[in-house]
Amino acid sequence: MSEATRVLARGKSLGDAIRRLEENVQMVVRGKPEAIRLAVVAILARGHVLIEDVPGVGKTTLAQALAKSIGLDFQRIQFTSDLLPSDILGVSIYRRDSETFEFCPGPLFANIVLADEINRATPKTQSALLEAMSERQVSIDRQRFELPEPFVVLATQNPLEFQGTFPLPESQLDRFLMSLELGYPPRADERELLLSGGVDDILASLAPVVDRAELLALQRQVAGVRMAEKLADYILTVAEATRTSEEFALGISTRAAQDLFRAAQAMAVCEGRDFAVPDDVQRTALTVLSHRILLRSGGGIKATRSALRGVLSRIPVPL
């Protein structure tokens, strides 16, 4: 078999892995193929995902379905106001027999971590995730501990409920590659859910369809996607527009521009291409950028996304 044939066969195999992953999640999360595709894009781009929407539309279900569909170590952390950083990171325990301290890793030391209702934890506990999400390591007792590879945080929050919550600061939000909204399912899918009695049994029995080797191979493939210089300039033009526009009190960071670059590469892989096109940037821009900018006039995520759409519509798309 020639090298070209092996590369083609490997590409098809990885493409099948993406299809299997998305179809497996769609068994549980009905009527939301684009949200599932964007979540997969974020994972392939080695990013973290914030899923925010009203209660009961499947935020936690999506996170659990993604975790169960990938054969990796998974931990769920229910964030509450009394949760401490050590409850997430772990603690050092004194061993009398050896007269030494032994570090016992917390639930953060997993490949996929579900941070459920992340905005219910105090800022001190939220900040325990900063180093982990940006550097994939944690510092405890003057020691650094590497997190497993791959490492993905899937967090959920309800943006409309403020009692007993602590809004995530900009520095924390900037660590999430994407912010997803699910919305209500289409009527036909919601009707099917009602008549079938829900998806709890399906979720409980959901089996992994992608293993660690395949996921790491897909992430490496993303890094090799070709991005034309004009596409990089397009991303920089979008970034500069948010920083200079009178609509925004806070434009996107350099990290956000880099994340948009990677997300476009990952979208190209999901579409079966080894090169990115302008549609890959446009398709991921809202979810990558909207949670990182602030409107001068205030307003929630919907107003921010509307203003961001206006910015994108005014910037010529490279041909």
C-alpha atoms as a PDB file:
ATOM      1  CA  MET A   1       0.000   0.000   0.000  1.00  0.00           C
ATOM      2  CA  SER A   2       1.417   3.372  -1.025  1.00  0.00           C
ATOM      3  CA  GLU A   3       1.859   6.253   1.405  1.00  0.00           C
ATOM      4  CA  ALA A   4      -0.888   8.238  -0.342  1.00  0.00           C
ATOM      5  CA  THR A   5      -3.309   5.296   0.003  1.00  0.00           C
ATOM      6  CA  ARG A   6      -2.488   4.906   3.703  1.00  0.00           C
ATOM      7  CA  VAL A   7      -3.090   8.617   4.319  1.00  0.00           C
ATOM      8  CA  LEU A   8      -6.426   8.446   2.478  1.00  0.00           C
ATOM      9  CA  ALA A   9      -7.526   5.356   4.419  1.00  0.00           C
ATOM     10  CA  ARG A  10      -6.526   6.938   7.718  1.00  0.00           C
ATOM     11  CA  GLY A  11      -8.466  10.102   6.840  1.00  0.00           C
ATOM     12  CA  LYS A  12     -11.588   8.053   6.084  1.00  0.00           C
ATOM     13  CA  SER A  13     -11.213   6.148   9.359  1.00  0.00           C
ATOM     14  CA  LEU A  14     -10.995   9.373  11.359  1.00  0.00           C
ATOM     15  CA  GLY A  15     -13.945  10.779   9.444  1.00  0.00           C
ATOM     16  CA  ASP A  16     -15.931   7.690  10.455  1.00  0.00           C
ATOM     17  CA  ALA A  17     -14.964   8.338  14.082  1.00  0.00           C
ATOM     18  CA  ILE A  18     -16.485  11.832  13.915  1.00  0.00           C
ATOM     19  CA  ARG A  19     -19.670  10.448  12.339  1.00  0.00           C
ATOM     20  CA  ARG A  20     -19.961   7.734  15.001  1.00  0.00           C
ATOM     21  CA  LEU A  21     -19.455  10.266  17.780  1.00  0.00           C
ATOM     22  CA  GLU A  22     -22.094  12.671  16.492  1.00  0.00           C
ATOM     23  CA  GLU A  23     -24.641   9.946  15.772  1.00  0.00           C
ATOM     24  CA  ASN A  24     -24.151   8.459  19.229  1.00  0.00           C
ATOM     25  CA  VAL A  25     -24.792  11.807  20.932  1.00  0.00           C
ATOM     26  CA  GLN A  26     -27.826  12.437  18.688  1.00  0.00           C
ATOM     27  CA  MET A  27     -29.443   9.325  20.152  1.00  0.00           C
ATOM     28  CA  VAL A  28     -29.822  11.303  23.370  1.00  0.00           C
ATOM     29  CA  VAL A  29     -29.788  14.983  22.349  1.00  0.00           C
ATOM     30  CA  ARG A  30     -32.566  15.191  19.775  1.00  0.00           C
ATOM     31  CA  GLY A  31     -32.964  17.891  17.136  1.00  0.00           C
ATOM     32  CA  LYS A  32     -29.679  19.705  17.839  1.00  0.00           C
ATOM     33  CA  PRO A  33     -27.168  18.507  15.201  1.00  0.00           C
ATOM     34  CA  GLU A  34     -25.431  21.894  14.878  1.00  0.00           C
ATOM     35  CA  ALA A  35     -24.901  22.229  18.642  1.00  0.00           C
ATOM     36  CA  ILE A  36     -23.468  18.709  18.709  1.00  0.00           C
ATOM     37  CA  ARG A  37     -21.191  19.480  15.748  1.00  0.00           C
ATOM     38  CA  LEU A  38     -19.898  22.638  17.456  1.00  0.00           C
ATOM     39  CA  ALA A  39     -19.228  20.761  20.699  1.00  0.00           C
ATOM     40  CA  VAL A  40     -17.258  18.136  18.761  1.00  0.00           C
ATOM     41  CA  VAL A  41     -15.350  20.920  16.995  1.00  0.00           C
ATOM     42  CA  ALA A  42     -14.342  22.384  20.366  1.00  0.00           C
ATOM     43  CA  ILE A  43     -13.110  19.024  21.654  1.00  0.00           C
ATOM     44  CA  LEU A  44     -11.099  18.368  18.479  1.00  0.00           C
ATOM     45  CA  ALA A  45      -9.581  21.853  18.835  1.00  0.00           C
ATOM     46  CA  ARG A  46      -8.423  20.900  22.360  1.00  0.00           C
ATOM     47  CA  GLY A  47     -10.779  23.477  23.856  1.00  0.00           C
ATOM     48  CA  HIS A  48     -13.286  23.676  26.695  1.00  0.00           C
ATOM     49  CA  VAL A  49     -17.029  24.174  26.298  1.00  0.00           C
ATOM     50  CA  LEU A  50     -19.481  26.280  28.314  1.00  0.00           C
ATOM     51  CA  ILE A  51     -23.089  25.190  27.762  1.00  0.00           C
ATOM     52  CA  GLU A  52     -25.498  27.852  28.990  1.00  0.00           C
ATOM     53  CA  ASP A  53     -29.261  27.903  28.622  1.00  0.00           C
ATOM     54  CA  VAL A  54     -32.479  27.711  30.598  1.00  0.00           C
ATOM     55  CA  PRO A  55     -33.054  24.655  32.834  1.00  0.00           C
ATOM     56  CA  GLY A  56     -34.351  21.461  31.318  1.00  0.00           C
ATOM     57  CA  VAL A  57     -33.214  21.747  27.695  1.00  0.00           C
ATOM     58  CA  GLY A  58     -30.422  19.156  27.888  1.00  0.00           C
ATOM     59  CA  LYS A  59     -27.225  20.986  28.930  1.00  0.00           C
ATOM     60  CA  THR A  60     -26.048  18.276  31.327  1.00  0.00           C
ATOM     61  CA  THR A  61     -27.377  15.553  29.020  1.00  0.00           C
ATOM     62  CA  LEU A  62     -25.236  16.853  26.141  1.00  0.00           C
ATOM     63  CA  ALA A  63     -22.142  16.965  28.338  1.00  0.00           C
ATOM     64  CA  GLN A  64     -22.765  13.447  29.679  1.00  0.00           C
ATOM     65  CA  ALA A  65     -23.497  12.042  26.217  1.00  0.00           C
ATOM     66  CA  LEU A  66     -20.250  13.474  24.835  1.00  0.00           C
ATOM     67  CA  ALA A  67     -18.270  12.094  27.769  1.00  0.00           C
ATOM     68  CA  LYS A  68     -19.860   8.635  27.523  1.00  0.00           C
ATOM     69  CA  SER A  69     -19.347   8.504  23.759  1.00  0.00           C
ATOM     70  CA  ILE A  70     -15.579   8.920  24.180  1.00  0.00           C
ATOM     71  CA  GLY A  71     -13.854   6.036  25.928  1.00  0.00           C
ATOM     72  CA  LEU A  72     -11.930   8.148  28.428  1.00  0.00           C
ATOM     73  CA  ASP A  73     -11.839   8.740  32.162  1.00  0.00           C
ATOM     74  CA  PHE A  74     -14.831  10.897  33.110  1.00  0.00           C
ATOM     75  CA  GLN A  75     -15.655  12.783  36.311  1.00  0.00           C
ATOM     76  CA  ARG A  76     -18.685  14.902  37.172  1.00  0.00           C
ATOM     77  CA  ILE A  77     -18.393  17.710  39.727  1.00  0.00           C
ATOM     78  CA  GLN A  78     -21.596  19.283  41.027  1.00  0.00           C
ATOM     79  CA  PHE A  79     -20.653  22.875  41.806  1.00  0.00           C
ATOM     80  CA  THR A  80     -22.212  24.347  44.945  1.00  0.00           C
ATOM     81  CA  SER A  81     -21.539  27.375  47.128  1.00  0.00           C
ATOM     82  CA  ASP A  82     -19.742  25.270  49.767  1.00  0.00           C
ATOM     83  CA  LEU A  83     -17.434  23.514  47.286  1.00  0.00           C
ATOM     84  CA  LEU A  84     -13.753  24.120  48.099  1.00  0.00           C
ATOM     85  CA  PRO A  85     -10.775  24.219  45.703  1.00  0.00           C
ATOM     86  CA  SER A  86      -9.378  21.103  47.395  1.00  0.00           C
ATOM     87  CA  ASP A  87     -12.614  19.271  46.573  1.00  0.00           C
ATOM     88  CA  ILE A  88     -11.689  19.729  42.909  1.00  0.00           C
ATOM     89  CA  LEU A  89      -7.895  19.644  42.864  1.00  0.00           C
ATOM     90  CA  GLY A  90      -7.179  17.125  45.617  1.00  0.00           C
ATOM     91  CA  VAL A  91      -5.289  17.234  48.920  1.00  0.00           C
ATOM     92  CA  SER A  92      -1.963  16.193  50.420  1.00  0.00           C
ATOM     93  CA  ILE A  93      -2.317  13.557  53.157  1.00  0.00           C
ATOM     94  CA  TYR A  94       0.351  12.884  55.770  1.00  0.00           C
ATOM     95  CA  ARG A  95       1.509   9.253  55.838  1.00  0.00           C
ATOM     96  CA  ARG A  96       2.671   8.371  59.331  1.00  0.00           C
ATOM     97  CA  ASP A  97       4.535   5.232  58.232  1.00  0.00           C
ATOM     98  CA  SER A  98       6.774   7.083  55.771  1.00  0.00           C
ATOM     99  CA  GLU A  99       6.576  10.491  57.480  1.00  0.00           C
ATOM    100  CA  THR A 100       5.846  12.125  54.153  1.00  0.00           C
ATOM    101  CA  PHE A 101       2.926  13.894  52.493  1.00  0.00           C
ATOM    102  CA  GLU A 102       1.225  12.068  49.642  1.00  0.00           C
ATOM    103  CA  PHE A 103      -0.892  13.940  47.111  1.00  0.00           C
ATOM    104  CA  CYS A 104      -4.329  12.432  46.465  1.00  0.00           C
ATOM    105  CA  PRO A 105      -5.677  13.760  43.138  1.00  0.00           C
ATOM    106  CA  GLY A 106      -9.192  15.191  43.032  1.00  0.00           C
ATOM    107  CA  PRO A 107     -11.851  14.672  40.347  1.00  0.00           C
ATOM    108  CA  LEU A 108     -10.191  17.270  38.111  1.00  0.00           C
ATOM    109  CA  PHE A 109      -7.586  14.637  37.205  1.00  0.00           C
ATOM    110  CA  ALA A 110      -9.694  13.071  34.468  1.00  0.00           C
ATOM    111  CA  ASN A 111      -9.801  13.294  30.683  1.00  0.00           C
ATOM    112  CA  ILE A 112     -13.295  14.765  30.566  1.00  0.00           C
ATOM    113  CA  VAL A 113     -14.611  16.808  33.494  1.00  0.00           C
ATOM    114  CA  LEU A 114     -18.246  17.895  33.716  1.00  0.00           C
ATOM    115  CA  ALA A 115     -18.439  21.067  35.834  1.00  0.00           C
ATOM    116  CA  ASP A 116     -22.194  21.129  36.410  1.00  0.00           C
ATOM    117  CA  GLU A 117     -23.698  24.537  37.295  1.00  0.00           C
ATOM    118  CA  ILE A 118     -20.243  26.066  37.490  1.00  0.00           C
ATOM    119  CA  ASN A 119     -21.552  29.511  38.437  1.00  0.00           C
ATOM    120  CA  ARG A 120     -22.895  28.203  41.760  1.00  0.00           C
ATOM    121  CA  ALA A 121     -19.363  27.906  43.166  1.00  0.00           C
ATOM    122  CA  THR A 122     -17.598  30.842  44.819  1.00  0.00           C
ATOM    123  CA  PRO A 123     -14.989  32.834  42.856  1.00  0.00           C
ATOM    124  CA  LYS A 124     -12.230  31.177  44.906  1.00  0.00           C
ATOM    125  CA  THR A 125     -13.346  27.725  43.786  1.00  0.00           C
ATOM    126  CA  GLN A 126     -13.935  28.851  40.202  1.00  0.00           C
ATOM    127  CA  SER A 127     -10.399  30.220  40.033  1.00  0.00           C
ATOM    128  CA  ALA A 128      -9.034  26.761  40.865  1.00  0.00           C
ATOM    129  CA  LEU A 129      -9.843  25.848  37.269  1.00  0.00           C
ATOM    130  CA  LEU A 130      -7.910  28.689  35.626  1.00  0.00           C
ATOM    131  CA  GLU A 131      -4.466  27.095  35.554  1.00  0.00           C
ATOM    132  CA  ALA A 132      -5.910  23.690  34.677  1.00  0.00           C
ATOM    133  CA  MET A 133      -7.892  24.998  31.704  1.00  0.00           C
ATOM    134  CA  SER A 134      -5.110  27.130  30.219  1.00  0.00           C
ATOM    135  CA  GLU A 135      -1.981  25.107  31.029  1.00  0.00           C
ATOM    136  CA  ARG A 136      -3.377  21.598  31.663  1.00  0.00           C
ATOM    137  CA  GLN A 137      -1.625  21.402  34.998  1.00  0.00           C
ATOM    138  CA  VAL A 138      -2.274  22.376  38.616  1.00  0.00           C
ATOM    139  CA  SER A 139       0.054  23.782  41.272  1.00  0.00           C
ATOM    140  CA  ILE A 140      -0.426  22.479  44.803  1.00  0.00           C
ATOM    141  CA  ASP A 141       1.943  22.853  47.766  1.00  0.00           C
ATOM    142  CA  ARG A 142       4.644  24.324  45.503  1.00  0.00           C
ATOM    143  CA  GLN A 143       4.447  21.292  43.219  1.00  0.00           C
ATOM    144  CA  ARG A 144       3.108  21.031  39.693  1.00  0.00           C
ATOM    145  CA  PHE A 145       1.011  18.103  38.588  1.00  0.00           C
ATOM    146  CA  GLU A 146       0.291  17.404  34.927  1.00  0.00           C
ATOM    147  CA  LEU A 147      -3.286  16.651  33.950  1.00  0.00           C
ATOM    148  CA  PRO A 148      -4.057  13.671  31.702  1.00  0.00           C
ATOM    149  CA  GLU A 149      -4.085  14.084  27.945  1.00  0.00           C
ATOM    150  CA  PRO A 150      -6.526  14.828  26.469  1.00  0.00           C
ATOM    151  CA  PHE A 151      -8.158  17.127  29.037  1.00  0.00           C
ATOM    152  CA  VAL A 152     -11.527  18.770  28.391  1.00  0.00           C
ATOM    153  CA  VAL A 153     -13.819  20.737  30.706  1.00  0.00           C
ATOM    154  CA  LEU A 154     -17.524  20.708  29.824  1.00  0.00           C
ATOM    155  CA  ALA A 155     -19.278  23.254  32.040  1.00  0.00           C
ATOM    156  CA  THR A 156     -22.956  24.132  32.346  1.00  0.00           C
ATOM    157  CA  GLN A 157     -24.721  27.153  33.768  1.00  0.00           C
ATOM    158  CA  ASN A 158     -28.141  28.813  33.775  1.00  0.00           C
ATOM    159  CA  PRO A 159     -27.653  32.429  32.626  1.00  0.00           C
ATOM    160  CA  LEU A 160     -31.117  33.557  33.761  1.00  0.00           C
ATOM    161  CA  GLU A 161     -30.943  32.485  37.410  1.00  0.00           C
ATOM    162  CA  PHE A 162     -28.992  34.825  39.672  1.00  0.00           C
ATOM    163  CA  GLN A 163     -29.967  33.770  43.202  1.00  0.00           C
ATOM    164  CA  GLY A 164     -27.113  31.825  44.764  1.00  0.00           C
ATOM    165  CA  THR A 165     -24.831  32.201  41.750  1.00  0.00           C
ATOM    166  CA  PHE A 166     -21.490  33.878  41.117  1.00  0.00           C
ATOM    167  CA  PRO A 167     -21.059  35.123  37.522  1.00  0.00           C
ATOM    168  CA  LEU A 168     -17.913  33.877  35.835  1.00  0.00           C
ATOM    169  CA  PRO A 169     -15.317  36.665  35.432  1.00  0.00           C
ATOM    170  CA  GLU A 170     -13.943  37.586  32.021  1.00  0.00           C
ATOM    171  CA  SER A 171     -10.666  35.784  32.742  1.00  0.00           C
ATOM    172  CA  GLN A 172     -12.576  32.543  33.355  1.00  0.00           C
ATOM    173  CA  LEU A 173     -14.865  32.942  30.349  1.00  0.00           C
ATOM    174  CA  ASP A 174     -11.847  33.526  28.118  1.00  0.00           C
ATOM    175  CA  ARG A 175     -10.631  30.000  28.943  1.00  0.00           C
ATOM    176  CA  PHE A 176     -13.659  28.467  27.239  1.00  0.00           C
ATOM    177  CA  LEU A 177     -13.164  27.976  23.532  1.00  0.00           C
ATOM    178  CA  MET A 178     -16.913  27.940  22.952  1.00  0.00           C
ATOM    179  CA  SER A 179     -20.150  28.968  24.588  1.00  0.00           C
ATOM    180  CA  LEU A 180     -23.132  26.975  23.331  1.00  0.00           C
ATOM    181  CA  GLU A 181     -26.860  27.560  23.591  1.00  0.00           C
ATOM    182  CA  LEU A 182     -29.166  24.607  22.993  1.00  0.00           C
ATOM    183  CA  GLY A 183     -32.604  26.186  22.931  1.00  0.00           C
ATOM    184  CA  TYR A 184     -35.830  24.204  22.876  1.00  0.00           C
ATOM    185  CA  PRO A 185     -35.999  21.145  20.586  1.00  0.00           C
ATOM    186  CA  PRO A 186     -38.148  21.170  17.443  1.00  0.00           C
ATOM    187  CA  ARG A 187     -41.775  20.183  18.062  1.00  0.00           C
ATOM    188  CA  ALA A 188     -41.449  16.781  16.355  1.00  0.00           C
ATOM    189  CA  ASP A 189     -38.428  15.822  18.460  1.00  0.00           C
ATOM    190  CA  GLU A 190     -40.058  17.075  21.667  1.00  0.00           C
ATOM    191  CA  ARG A 191     -43.182  15.070  20.839  1.00  0.00           C
ATOM    192  CA  GLU A 192     -41.065  11.952  20.337  1.00  0.00           C
ATOM    193  CA  LEU A 193     -39.427  12.547  23.720  1.00  0.00           C
ATOM    194  CA  LEU A 194     -42.834  12.826  25.403  1.00  0.00           C
ATOM    195  CA  LEU A 195     -44.196   9.642  23.834  1.00  0.00           C
ATOM    196  CA  SER A 196     -41.024   7.612  24.419  1.00  0.00           C
ATOM    197  CA  GLY A 197     -40.718   8.545  28.088  1.00  0.00           C
ATOM    198  CA  GLY A 198     -37.441  10.438  27.746  1.00  0.00           C
ATOM    199  CA  VAL A 199     -33.871   9.393  27.085  1.00  0.00           C
ATOM    200  CA  ASP A 200     -32.639   8.483  30.573  1.00  0.00           C
ATOM    201  CA  ASP A 201     -32.392   4.765  29.800  1.00  0.00           C
ATOM    202  CA  ILE A 202     -30.590   5.439  26.508  1.00  0.00           C
ATOM    203  CA  LEU A 203     -28.135   7.775  28.231  1.00  0.00           C
ATOM    204  CA  ALA A 204     -27.447   5.243  30.989  1.00  0.00           C
ATOM    205  CA  SER A 205     -26.598   2.539  28.433  1.00  0.00           C
ATOM    206  CA  LEU A 206     -24.711   4.771  25.992  1.00  0.00           C
ATOM    207  CA  ALA A 207     -21.473   3.052  24.968  1.00  0.00           C
ATOM    208  CA  PRO A 208     -18.173   4.651  23.864  1.00  0.00           C
ATOM    209  CA  VAL A 209     -17.731   4.853  20.092  1.00  0.00           C
ATOM    210  CA  VAL A 210     -14.415   6.763  19.943  1.00  0.00           C
ATOM    211  CA  ASP A 211     -11.289   5.755  21.833  1.00  0.00           C
ATOM    212  CA  ARG A 212      -8.354   7.776  23.123  1.00  0.00           C
ATOM    213  CA  ALA A 213      -6.080   6.987  20.163  1.00  0.00           C
ATOM    214  CA  GLU A 214      -8.696   8.158  17.655  1.00  0.00           C
ATOM    215  CA  LEU A 215      -9.386  11.380  19.552  1.00  0.00           C
ATOM    216  CA  LEU A 216      -5.685  12.237  19.831  1.00  0.00           C
ATOM    217  CA  ALA A 217      -5.232  11.469  16.110  1.00  0.00           C
ATOM    218  CA  LEU A 218      -8.115  13.800  15.261  1.00  0.00           C
ATOM    219  CA  GLN A 219      -6.628  16.567  17.404  1.00  0.00           C
ATOM    220  CA  ARG A 220      -3.287  16.158  15.621  1.00  0.00           C
ATOM    221  CA  GLN A 221      -5.075  16.284  12.276  1.00  0.00           C
ATOM    222  CA  VAL A 222      -6.688  19.595  13.255  1.00  0.00           C
ATOM    223  CA  ALA A 223      -3.272  21.142  13.855  1.00  0.00           C
ATOM    224  CA  GLY A 224      -2.268  20.211  10.295  1.00  0.00           C
ATOM    225  CA  VAL A 225      -5.214  21.864   8.531  1.00  0.00           C
ATOM    226  CA  ARG A 226      -4.028  24.515   6.072  1.00  0.00           C
ATOM    227  CA  MET A 227      -5.194  28.089   6.719  1.00  0.00           C
ATOM    228  CA  ALA A 228      -4.641  30.609   3.940  1.00  0.00           C
ATOM    229  CA  GLU A 229      -3.091  33.917   4.957  1.00  0.00           C
ATOM    230  CA  LYS A 230      -6.211  35.764   3.844  1.00  0.00           C
ATOM    231  CA  LEU A 231      -8.244  33.706   6.331  1.00  0.00           C
ATOM    232  CA  ALA A 232      -5.846  34.617   9.137  1.00  0.00           C
ATOM    233  CA  ASP A 233      -6.164  38.273   8.117  1.00  0.00           C
ATOM    234  CA  TYR A 234      -9.960  37.897   8.121  1.00  0.00           C
ATOM    235  CA  ILE A 235      -9.861  36.635  11.724  1.00  0.00           C
ATOM    236  CA  LEU A 236      -7.601  39.535  12.747  1.00  0.00           C
ATOM    237  CA  THR A 237      -9.955  42.019  11.060  1.00  0.00           C
ATOM    238  CA  VAL A 238     -12.863  40.610  13.078  1.00  0.00           C
ATOM    239  CA  ALA A 239     -10.811  40.875  16.258  1.00  0.00           C
ATOM    240  CA  GLU A 240      -9.818  44.468  15.579  1.00  0.00           C
ATOM    241  CA  ALA A 241     -13.435  45.391  14.764  1.00  0.00           C
ATOM    242  CA  THR A 242     -14.610  44.245  18.207  1.00  0.00           C
ATOM    243  CA  ARG A 243     -11.811  46.213  19.875  1.00  0.00           C
ATOM    244  CA  THR A 244     -12.494  49.480  18.051  1.00  0.00           C
ATOM    245  CA  SER A 245     -16.286  49.376  17.802  1.00  0.00           C
ATOM    246  CA  GLU A 246     -18.207  51.832  19.978  1.00  0.00           C
ATOM    247  CA  GLU A 247     -20.722  49.056  20.692  1.00  0.00           C
ATOM    248  CA  PHE A 248     -18.299  47.018  22.797  1.00  0.00           C
ATOM    249  CA  ALA A 249     -16.742  47.890  26.132  1.00  0.00           C
ATOM    250  CA  LEU A 250     -14.468  44.848  25.829  1.00  0.00           C
ATOM    251  CA  GLY A 251     -13.242  43.351  22.549  1.00  0.00           C
ATOM    252  CA  ILE A 252     -11.924  39.854  22.035  1.00  0.00           C
ATOM    253  CA  SER A 253      -8.507  38.820  23.306  1.00  0.00           C
ATOM    254  CA  THR A 254      -5.561  37.390  21.406  1.00  0.00           C
ATOM    255  CA  ARG A 255      -6.476  34.015  22.930  1.00  0.00           C
ATOM    256  CA  ALA A 256      -9.945  34.356  21.407  1.00  0.00           C
ATOM    257  CA  ALA A 257      -8.481  35.011  17.948  1.00  0.00           C
ATOM    258  CA  GLN A 258      -6.260  31.951  18.309  1.00  0.00           C
ATOM    259  CA  ASP A 259      -9.257  29.879  19.419  1.00  0.00           C
ATOM    260  CA  LEU A 260     -11.259  31.006  16.382  1.00  0.00           C
ATOM    261  CA  PHE A 261      -8.330  29.975  14.173  1.00  0.00           C
ATOM    262  CA  ARG A 262      -8.260  26.494  15.773  1.00  0.00           C
ATOM    263  CA  ALA A 263     -12.042  26.132  15.696  1.00  0.00           C
ATOM    264  CA  ALA A 264     -12.070  26.855  11.952  1.00  0.00           C
ATOM    265  CA  GLN A 265      -9.390  24.192  11.469  1.00  0.00           C
ATOM    266  CA  ALA A 266     -11.445  21.685  13.492  1.00  0.00           C
ATOM    267  CA  MET A 267     -14.599  22.484  11.508  1.00  0.00           C
ATOM    268  CA  ALA A 268     -12.678  21.758   8.319  1.00  0.00           C
ATOM    269  CA  VAL A 269     -11.699  18.328   9.688  1.00  0.00           C
ATOM    270  CA  CYS A 270     -15.334  17.599  10.607  1.00  0.00           C
ATOM    271  CA  GLU A 271     -16.290  18.508   7.035  1.00  0.00           C
ATOM    272  CA  GLY A 272     -13.661  16.128   5.653  1.00  0.00           C
ATOM    273  CA  ARG A 273     -11.211  18.748   4.394  1.00  0.00           C
ATOM    274  CA  ASP A 274      -7.515  19.360   5.077  1.00  0.00           C
ATOM    275  CA  PHE A 275      -7.901  23.078   4.370  1.00  0.00           C
ATOM    276  CA  ALA A 276     -10.143  25.751   5.918  1.00  0.00           C
ATOM    277  CA  VAL A 277     -12.571  28.010   4.052  1.00  0.00           C
ATOM    278  CA  PRO A 278     -14.308  31.259   5.117  1.00  0.00           C
ATOM    279  CA  ASP A 279     -17.485  29.340   5.998  1.00  0.00           C
ATOM    280  CA  ASP A 280     -15.533  27.480   8.724  1.00  0.00           C
ATOM    281  CA  VAL A 281     -14.705  30.815  10.368  1.00  0.00           C
ATOM    282  CA  GLN A 282     -18.212  32.204  10.050  1.00  0.00           C
ATOM    283  CA  ARG A 283     -19.835  29.006  11.309  1.00  0.00           C
ATOM    284  CA  THR A 284     -17.789  29.031  14.520  1.00  0.00           C
ATOM    285  CA  ALA A 285     -17.345  32.778  15.142  1.00  0.00           C
ATOM    286  CA  LEU A 286     -20.453  33.419  17.254  1.00  0.00           C
ATOM    287  CA  THR A 287     -19.891  30.532  19.650  1.00  0.00           C
ATOM    288  CA  VAL A 288     -16.164  31.241  19.997  1.00  0.00           C
ATOM    289  CA  LEU A 289     -16.389  35.011  20.476  1.00  0.00           C
ATOM    290  CA  SER A 290     -19.757  36.020  21.966  1.00  0.00           C
ATOM    291  CA  HIS A 291     -18.990  35.105  25.600  1.00  0.00           C
ATOM    292  CA  ARG A 292     -15.721  37.080  25.554  1.00  0.00           C
ATOM    293  CA  ILE A 293     -17.033  40.542  24.660  1.00  0.00           C
ATOM    294  CA  LEU A 294     -19.105  43.068  26.610  1.00  0.00           C
ATOM    295  CA  LEU A 295     -21.639  45.538  25.238  1.00  0.00           C
ATOM    296  CA  ARG A 296     -21.413  49.124  26.456  1.00  0.00           C
ATOM    297  CA  SER A 297     -25.200  49.199  26.725  1.00  0.00           C
ATOM    298  CA  GLY A 298     -25.306  45.984  28.737  1.00  0.00           C
ATOM    299  CA  GLY A 299     -27.605  43.165  27.738  1.00  0.00           C
ATOM    300  CA  GLY A 300     -27.350  39.405  27.762  1.00  0.00           C
ATOM    301  CA  ILE A 301     -25.858  36.865  25.440  1.00  0.00           C
ATOM    302  CA  LYS A 302     -28.576  37.304  22.813  1.00  0.00           C
ATOM    303  CA  ALA A 303     -27.919  41.053  22.503  1.00  0.00           C
ATOM    304  CA  THR A 304     -24.176  40.396  22.350  1.00  0.00           C
ATOM    305  CA  ARG A 305     -24.572  37.827  19.588  1.00  0.00           C
ATOM    306  CA  SER A 306     -26.830  40.186  17.645  1.00  0.00           C
ATOM    307  CA  ALA A 307     -24.191  42.943  17.827  1.00  0.00           C
ATOM    308  CA  LEU A 308     -21.476  40.469  16.829  1.00  0.00           C
ATOM    309  CA  ARG A 309     -23.520  39.351  13.814  1.00  0.00           C
ATOM    310  CA  GLY A 310     -23.662  43.000  12.766  1.00  0.00           C
ATOM    311  CA  VAL A 311     -19.876  43.273  12.961  1.00  0.00           C
ATOM    312  CA  LEU A 312     -19.411  40.098  10.922  1.00  0.00           C
ATOM    313  CA  SER A 313     -21.886  41.259   8.280  1.00  0.00           C
ATOM    314  CA  ARG A 314     -19.918  44.472   7.713  1.00  0.00           C
ATOM    315  CA  ILE A 315     -16.569  42.763   7.142  1.00  0.00           C
ATOM    316  CA  PRO A 316     -15.940  41.555   3.568  1.00  0.00           C
ATOM    317  CA  VAL A 317     -15.499  37.792   3.360  1.00  0.00           C
ATOM    318  CA  PRO A 318     -12.266  36.739   1.622  1.00  0.00           C
ATOM    319  CA  LEU A 319     -12.742  34.917  -1.671  1.00  0.00           C
END
